[in-house]
């Protein structure tokens, strides 16, 4: 006998899955139920049954026995929006979950049996994010709403605040809503392709703000800027016109409406600039800890290669620490920021930026980076290309340092890279870049086999 859809079942949570969901075996079926904890007995409804009854996905109806690691979620939108996964866990339990997640994923997907260090914690369990990307749409009645997407959907859950964002999000939401009401603009309806306002994107850099409104056409933003000036002093404002379909936030059409469109800041003795599209880690405090560990590992080598280098901040730090560093980045704006950063910090002759795809530029860069070297890779969530992993495995660098926000693609890439036999895993250290969510940043240090 197997489970049936919409029926109630009881069971004990045996373990947690990769998304933090509880795993329950009942009626010959393995059920995955979010927002419960290992050891708890729960009553749940089977929402979906598949694979001939072998797999089911459910919803908690009642916690019959509570885990000592259960916490009271402070956010009223928890379980409604798709942002947070773990607010029902104590922070200590979150850190243990993430350490176990990295360890198990490396074993199951990569065949890599490596000791995983304790997770480096975040000092702020909430209010840690320096970047906001907030969709703007319409509800069923056609009213403009701002909020976050519900889990596995593009339905917007209206929000007035978000506890993992900095507190300034409340003023952003108020300003955009007033702008829409007063100026008569509507949120974007994806199905009908109607409405002007699509997204509001904000990045904070050391108390300065880059604010970008994404609209389906060029519109007047003077009123919105005047509202924002009531709450923010040092900000630049951009309008991005995007009338395409799909999930890409920005198009190539930009209009600078206030300020210079970018800002400069300082970290670790490096002055850097960033724009709306420049990649920077969303958690300043944990980023500093992560970069310090990367520099410590790479510091023995006189040459560093920084793949997927973004705006060049880490490349510059590596150049200062090691002596010479090469950065490879595909986003043109970010690469230009890296060139300016090099000039601003007097790193000519020490820092070399290459704009292009890593898989197309890696041979050229490795030929130029002669001598004892460390390679640093911080790819996007999708991971590295197979060809890049194979070339890294055979490149002969003294050290390879991987930074990943996705344990699954990290395990996949490591398996390919290590298959050459040229490297061994020196250490694996998770960093809690994203408290309250299932996501974790992981630093893996490889050394060349003797």
Foldseek 3Di string as FASTA:
>chain_A
DADDAFDKDKFAFAAADLFRWTWGQDPQETETEADAHHGWIFIWGFHDADPVRHYTYIYTDGTPDHDPQFDDQPDPCVLFFDAFRFSRGHQVVLQVLLQVSLQVLLCPQQVDHDHADGAAEDPDLWQFFQKDKWFWAADPVQAIAIAHHHPPDNDGDHDQADGRHHRCVNLLRVLVNVCCVVVVFHGADQVVLDTFWTIWMWGDDPLAIEIETETQDDDDCVSSVVSVVVPHPHYWYKYAHDSDHDDDRGDPDIDTDGDDQKDWDDDPRFIFIDHRPFDDQGGVVLSNVVLVVVLVQFQVALEEEEEQQTLQPSQVVNLVRNVAYEYEHADPVSLVRNVVRCVVNVVVVRYHYHHRHCLVCVVVVLVVRDDAGEYEYEDPAQADDLSVLQCLLVSPHFKYKYKHFHSNNVSVSVSSSCVSVQKDWPHKYWYCSDNSGSTIIIITMIGTDD
